Amino acid sequence: MASSTTPNGIYDVFLSFRGTDLRNNFIGHLYNALDQNGVFTFIDSEELRKGDQISQALMKAIEESCIAIIVFSDDYASSRWCLEELVKIMECKEQKDLIVLPVFYK
């Protein structure tokens, strides 16, 4: 699993998190550590704005990942987009054997 490129554009890890809580601290460090160890990781680099919908590209990235790391922070569940990601992740867990690793932050 430790490779900088994965066949067919499949990600090793998909990171799910509430951007406003963690983007510039914990997630940045986690992403860098994974990247430095050759783990091909999807991280959404754009914050969703009110009224925006989760893109099909984001849903496809979840489907194309081997592992999903969900970082639950205090405000994770208050985000509709995070909950939509979580639903998709759990669907992929059931249907595609996606490995799901929860991380409880603080």
Protein backbone atom coordinates (compact mmCIF):
# COMPACT_ATOMS: atom_id res chain seq x y z
CA MET A 1 0.00 0.00 0.00
CA ALA A 2 2.94 2.36 0.39
CA SER A 3 3.25 3.79 -3.09
CA SER A 4 3.20 7.26 -4.54
CA THR A 5 0.98 6.15 -7.40
CA THR A 6 -1.76 3.59 -7.23
CA PRO A 7 -3.23 1.60 -10.14
CA ASN A 8 -6.30 3.11 -11.80
CA GLY A 9 -6.11 6.30 -9.70
CA ILE A 10 -7.18 4.52 -6.53
CA TYR A 11 -6.24 6.21 -3.27
CA ASP A 12 -4.70 4.39 -0.34
CA VAL A 13 -6.47 6.69 2.16
CA PHE A 14 -9.39 9.10 2.10
CA LEU A 15 -9.35 11.69 4.90
CA SER A 16 -12.75 12.85 6.20
CA PHE A 17 -12.73 15.79 8.59
CA ARG A 18 -14.36 19.11 9.35
CA GLY A 19 -12.06 21.57 7.63
CA THR A 20 -12.70 24.53 9.86
CA ASP A 21 -11.73 22.50 12.90
CA LEU A 22 -8.63 20.72 11.70
CA ARG A 23 -7.38 21.70 8.24
CA ASN A 24 -4.45 23.83 9.35
CA ASN A 25 -3.21 21.71 12.24
CA PHE A 26 -3.89 18.02 12.91
CA ILE A 27 -4.96 17.08 9.37
CA GLY A 28 -2.00 18.89 7.84
CA HIS A 29 0.39 16.92 10.02
CA LEU A 30 -1.42 13.62 9.38
CA TYR A 31 -1.47 14.20 5.61
CA ASN A 32 2.23 15.11 5.55
CA ALA A 33 3.16 12.01 7.59
CA LEU A 34 1.17 9.75 5.26
CA ASP A 35 2.62 11.43 2.16
CA GLN A 36 6.20 11.20 3.44
CA ASN A 37 5.70 7.47 3.92
CA GLY A 38 4.44 6.97 0.37
CA VAL A 39 0.75 6.64 1.22
CA PHE A 40 -1.35 8.09 -1.63
CA THR A 41 -3.93 10.14 0.27
CA PHE A 42 -6.98 12.08 -0.87
CA ILE A 43 -7.55 15.32 0.98
CA ASP A 44 -10.18 17.82 -0.11
CA SER A 45 -8.27 21.04 -0.55
CA GLU A 46 -11.31 23.25 -1.00
CA GLU A 47 -13.72 24.22 1.72
CA LEU A 48 -17.39 23.82 0.87
CA ARG A 49 -19.44 26.97 1.09
CA LYS A 50 -22.99 27.19 2.44
CA GLY A 51 -25.39 25.93 -0.18
CA ASP A 52 -22.73 23.93 -2.03
CA GLN A 53 -23.16 20.23 -2.52
CA ILE A 54 -20.51 17.57 -2.19
CA SER A 55 -19.04 17.06 -5.62
CA GLN A 56 -19.19 13.83 -7.55
CA ALA A 57 -15.38 13.89 -7.57
CA LEU A 58 -15.40 13.71 -3.77
CA MET A 59 -17.84 10.79 -3.78
CA LYS A 60 -15.73 9.05 -6.44
CA ALA A 61 -12.60 9.55 -4.31
CA ILE A 62 -14.34 7.76 -1.42
CA GLU A 63 -15.30 4.89 -3.75
CA GLU A 64 -11.73 4.65 -5.06
CA SER A 65 -10.06 4.52 -1.66
CA CYS A 66 -8.86 1.47 0.25
CA ILE A 67 -9.07 3.08 3.70
CA ALA A 68 -11.11 5.97 5.07
CA ILE A 69 -9.85 7.81 8.13
CA ILE A 70 -12.67 9.78 9.74
CA VAL A 71 -11.43 12.40 12.17
CA PHE A 72 -14.31 13.14 14.53
CA SER A 73 -13.90 16.57 16.09
CA ASP A 74 -16.34 18.47 18.27
CA ASP A 75 -18.12 20.01 15.29
CA TYR A 76 -17.89 17.13 12.78
CA ALA A 77 -21.53 16.12 13.14
CA SER A 78 -22.77 19.70 12.83
CA SER A 79 -21.68 19.73 9.19
CA ARG A 80 -24.18 18.41 6.67
CA TRP A 81 -21.32 17.75 4.23
CA CYS A 82 -19.38 15.71 6.77
CA LEU A 83 -22.47 13.64 7.44
CA GLU A 84 -22.99 13.08 3.69
CA GLU A 85 -19.37 11.92 3.43
CA LEU A 86 -19.89 9.64 6.41
CA VAL A 87 -22.95 8.05 4.81
CA LYS A 88 -21.01 7.41 1.59
CA ILE A 89 -18.07 6.00 3.55
CA MET A 90 -20.34 3.59 5.43
CA GLU A 91 -22.03 2.52 2.18
CA CYS A 92 -18.62 1.75 0.71
CA LYS A 93 -17.67 -0.11 3.89
CA GLU A 94 -20.66 -2.40 3.41
CA GLN A 95 -20.54 -2.72 -0.38
CA LYS A 96 -16.83 -2.49 -1.23
CA ASP A 97 -15.10 -3.57 1.99
CA LEU A 98 -13.65 -0.11 2.57
CA ILE A 99 -11.61 -0.15 5.78
CA VAL A 100 -12.82 2.60 8.12
CA LEU A 101 -10.63 3.97 10.89
CA PRO A 102 -12.22 6.47 13.28
CA VAL A 103 -10.03 9.00 15.05
CA PHE A 104 -11.53 10.97 17.92
CA TYR A 105 -9.82 14.37 18.07
CA LYS A 106 -9.92 15.95 21.54
